[in-house]
Amino acid sequence: MSERINRIKEVLVIKGMSQKELAVKLDRNPNTITSICNNKSQPHLKDLKKIAEILDVDIRELLVSTKG
């Protein structure tokens, strides 16, 4: 099985935003964002939608395809 890629972490780098900045904008503890970016937990759907809005990307860009 291939390595799990975390798209949120990748998009943060592309957008030049830190995990701490995302935590502030999302009103979440920075440890929560770190946990999400390290694949230790998954965001709630409403948080995923908000993350997409904050990063100005389509929510689908934050998901990794399970097909193929």
N, C-alpha and C. Protein backbone atom coordinates (compact mmCIF):
# COMPACT_ATOMS: atom_id res chain seq x y z
N MET A 1 0.84 -1.19 0.00
CA MET A 1 0.00 0.00 0.00
C MET A 1 0.88 1.24 0.00
N SER A 2 0.49 2.24 -0.79
CA SER A 2 1.30 3.44 -0.88
C SER A 2 1.17 4.29 0.38
N GLU A 3 2.13 5.16 0.58
CA GLU A 3 2.15 6.04 1.74
C GLU A 3 0.94 6.96 1.72
N ARG A 4 0.36 7.18 2.89
CA ARG A 4 -0.79 8.07 2.99
C ARG A 4 -0.33 9.52 2.85
N ILE A 5 -0.87 10.19 1.89
CA ILE A 5 -0.52 11.59 1.64
C ILE A 5 -1.56 12.46 2.33
N ASN A 6 -1.10 13.48 3.03
CA ASN A 6 -2.03 14.39 3.67
C ASN A 6 -2.13 15.65 2.82
N ARG A 7 -3.26 15.78 2.14
CA ARG A 7 -3.45 16.91 1.23
C ARG A 7 -3.56 18.24 1.97
N ILE A 8 -4.11 18.25 3.17
CA ILE A 8 -4.21 19.51 3.91
C ILE A 8 -2.81 20.05 4.17
N LYS A 9 -1.93 19.20 4.63
CA LYS A 9 -0.54 19.61 4.89
C LYS A 9 0.12 20.11 3.61
N GLU A 10 -0.11 19.40 2.52
CA GLU A 10 0.48 19.77 1.24
C GLU A 10 -0.05 21.13 0.75
N VAL A 11 -1.35 21.34 0.86
CA VAL A 11 -1.95 22.60 0.41
C VAL A 11 -1.50 23.76 1.30
N LEU A 12 -1.33 23.51 2.60
CA LEU A 12 -0.80 24.56 3.48
C LEU A 12 0.56 25.04 2.98
N VAL A 13 1.42 24.12 2.58
CA VAL A 13 2.74 24.48 2.06
C VAL A 13 2.60 25.29 0.77
N ILE A 14 1.74 24.82 -0.13
CA ILE A 14 1.52 25.50 -1.41
C ILE A 14 1.02 26.92 -1.18
N LYS A 15 0.12 27.09 -0.22
CA LYS A 15 -0.48 28.40 0.06
C LYS A 15 0.39 29.26 0.98
N GLY A 16 1.48 28.68 1.50
CA GLY A 16 2.37 29.45 2.37
C GLY A 16 1.77 29.76 3.72
N MET A 17 0.93 28.87 4.23
CA MET A 17 0.28 29.08 5.52
C MET A 17 0.77 28.02 6.51
N SER A 18 0.99 28.44 7.73
CA SER A 18 1.44 27.50 8.76
C SER A 18 0.23 26.79 9.39
N GLN A 19 0.53 25.68 10.03
CA GLN A 19 -0.52 24.96 10.74
C GLN A 19 -1.09 25.82 11.86
N LYS A 20 -0.23 26.62 12.50
CA LYS A 20 -0.68 27.50 13.58
C LYS A 20 -1.65 28.56 13.05
N GLU A 21 -1.34 29.13 11.89
CA GLU A 21 -2.24 30.12 11.28
C GLU A 21 -3.59 29.50 10.97
N LEU A 22 -3.57 28.28 10.43
CA LEU A 22 -4.82 27.59 10.13
C LEU A 22 -5.61 27.35 11.41
N ALA A 23 -4.93 26.96 12.47
CA ALA A 23 -5.60 26.71 13.75
C ALA A 23 -6.31 27.97 14.25
N VAL A 24 -5.64 29.11 14.13
CA VAL A 24 -6.24 30.38 14.57
C VAL A 24 -7.47 30.70 13.73
N LYS A 25 -7.36 30.58 12.41
CA LYS A 25 -8.48 30.90 11.52
C LYS A 25 -9.64 29.93 11.68
N LEU A 26 -9.32 28.70 12.05
CA LEU A 26 -10.34 27.66 12.22
C LEU A 26 -10.88 27.64 13.65
N ASP A 27 -10.23 28.41 14.53
CA ASP A 27 -10.59 28.46 15.95
C ASP A 27 -10.47 27.08 16.60
N ARG A 28 -9.33 26.45 16.34
CA ARG A 28 -9.04 25.13 16.89
C ARG A 28 -7.67 25.17 17.56
N ASN A 29 -7.43 24.23 18.45
CA ASN A 29 -6.15 24.11 19.11
C ASN A 29 -5.10 23.71 18.05
N PRO A 30 -3.92 24.34 18.08
CA PRO A 30 -2.88 23.96 17.12
C PRO A 30 -2.54 22.47 17.14
N ASN A 31 -2.65 21.84 18.31
CA ASN A 31 -2.38 20.40 18.40
C ASN A 31 -3.38 19.60 17.58
N THR A 32 -4.61 20.09 17.48
CA THR A 32 -5.63 19.43 16.67
C THR A 32 -5.24 19.45 15.20
N ILE A 33 -4.77 20.59 14.73
CA ILE A 33 -4.35 20.72 13.33
C ILE A 33 -3.13 19.85 13.06
N THR A 34 -2.19 19.83 14.00
CA THR A 34 -1.02 18.97 13.85
C THR A 34 -1.43 17.51 13.73
N SER A 35 -2.36 17.11 14.57
CA SER A 35 -2.86 15.73 14.55
C SER A 35 -3.50 15.39 13.20
N ILE A 36 -4.25 16.34 12.66
CA ILE A 36 -4.89 16.14 11.35
C ILE A 36 -3.81 16.04 10.26
N CYS A 37 -2.85 16.94 10.29
CA CYS A 37 -1.80 16.96 9.27
C CYS A 37 -0.87 15.75 9.34
N ASN A 38 -0.81 15.10 10.49
CA ASN A 38 0.03 13.91 10.65
C ASN A 38 -0.78 12.62 10.54
N ASN A 39 -2.01 12.73 10.04
CA ASN A 39 -2.89 11.56 9.83
C ASN A 39 -3.19 10.79 11.12
N LYS A 40 -3.16 11.47 12.25
CA LYS A 40 -3.50 10.82 13.51
C LYS A 40 -4.99 10.98 13.82
N SER A 41 -5.64 11.96 13.18
CA SER A 41 -7.08 12.14 13.30
C SER A 41 -7.60 12.74 12.01
N GLN A 42 -8.90 12.70 11.85
CA GLN A 42 -9.54 13.26 10.66
C GLN A 42 -10.44 14.42 11.08
N PRO A 43 -10.50 15.47 10.27
CA PRO A 43 -11.37 16.59 10.62
C PRO A 43 -12.84 16.23 10.40
N HIS A 44 -13.70 16.86 11.18
CA HIS A 44 -15.14 16.73 10.94
C HIS A 44 -15.43 17.34 9.58
N LEU A 45 -16.49 16.91 8.94
CA LEU A 45 -16.84 17.40 7.61
C LEU A 45 -17.00 18.92 7.60
N LYS A 46 -17.65 19.48 8.64
CA LYS A 46 -17.83 20.94 8.68
C LYS A 46 -16.49 21.65 8.78
N ASP A 47 -15.53 21.06 9.51
CA ASP A 47 -14.20 21.65 9.60
C ASP A 47 -13.45 21.52 8.28
N LEU A 48 -13.62 20.40 7.60
CA LEU A 48 -12.99 20.20 6.30
C LEU A 48 -13.48 21.25 5.30
N LYS A 49 -14.79 21.52 5.34
CA LYS A 49 -15.36 22.55 4.46
C LYS A 49 -14.77 23.92 4.79
N LYS A 50 -14.65 24.23 6.07
CA LYS A 50 -14.09 25.51 6.50
C LYS A 50 -12.61 25.62 6.11
N ILE A 51 -11.88 24.53 6.25
CA ILE A 51 -10.46 24.51 5.85
C ILE A 51 -10.34 24.81 4.36
N ALA A 52 -11.21 24.21 3.56
CA ALA A 52 -11.20 24.47 2.11
C ALA A 52 -11.47 25.94 1.83
N GLU A 53 -12.40 26.53 2.56
CA GLU A 53 -12.71 27.96 2.38
C GLU A 53 -11.51 28.82 2.77
N ILE A 54 -10.90 28.51 3.91
CA ILE A 54 -9.74 29.28 4.39
C ILE A 54 -8.59 29.20 3.39
N LEU A 55 -8.37 28.00 2.84
CA LEU A 55 -7.26 27.80 1.89
C LEU A 55 -7.64 28.16 0.46
N ASP A 56 -8.90 28.53 0.26
CA ASP A 56 -9.41 28.93 -1.06
C ASP A 56 -9.19 27.84 -2.10
N VAL A 57 -9.61 26.61 -1.74
CA VAL A 57 -9.53 25.48 -2.66
C VAL A 57 -10.86 24.74 -2.64
N ASP A 58 -11.11 23.97 -3.68
CA ASP A 58 -12.27 23.10 -3.71
C ASP A 58 -12.05 22.01 -2.67
N ILE A 59 -13.09 21.67 -1.94
CA ILE A 59 -12.97 20.67 -0.87
C ILE A 59 -12.39 19.36 -1.41
N ARG A 60 -12.66 19.04 -2.67
CA ARG A 60 -12.15 17.79 -3.26
C ARG A 60 -10.63 17.78 -3.34
N GLU A 61 -10.02 18.98 -3.37
CA GLU A 61 -8.55 19.05 -3.41
C GLU A 61 -7.91 18.60 -2.10
N LEU A 62 -8.70 18.55 -1.04
CA LEU A 62 -8.17 18.15 0.27
C LEU A 62 -8.32 16.66 0.52
N LEU A 63 -8.94 15.97 -0.43
CA LEU A 63 -9.18 14.54 -0.28
C LEU A 63 -8.26 13.75 -1.19
N VAL A 64 -7.85 12.59 -0.74
CA VAL A 64 -7.01 11.69 -1.53
C VAL A 64 -7.93 10.60 -2.07
N SER A 65 -7.85 10.37 -3.36
CA SER A 65 -8.68 9.34 -3.99
C SER A 65 -8.39 7.97 -3.42
N THR A 66 -9.45 7.21 -3.21
CA THR A 66 -9.29 5.83 -2.70
C THR A 66 -9.34 4.83 -3.83
N LYS A 67 -9.57 5.30 -5.05
CA LYS A 67 -9.62 4.41 -6.21
C LYS A 67 -8.26 4.33 -6.88
N GLY A 68 -8.01 3.21 -7.53
CA GLY A 68 -6.85 3.09 -8.36
C GLY A 68 -5.68 2.56 -7.67
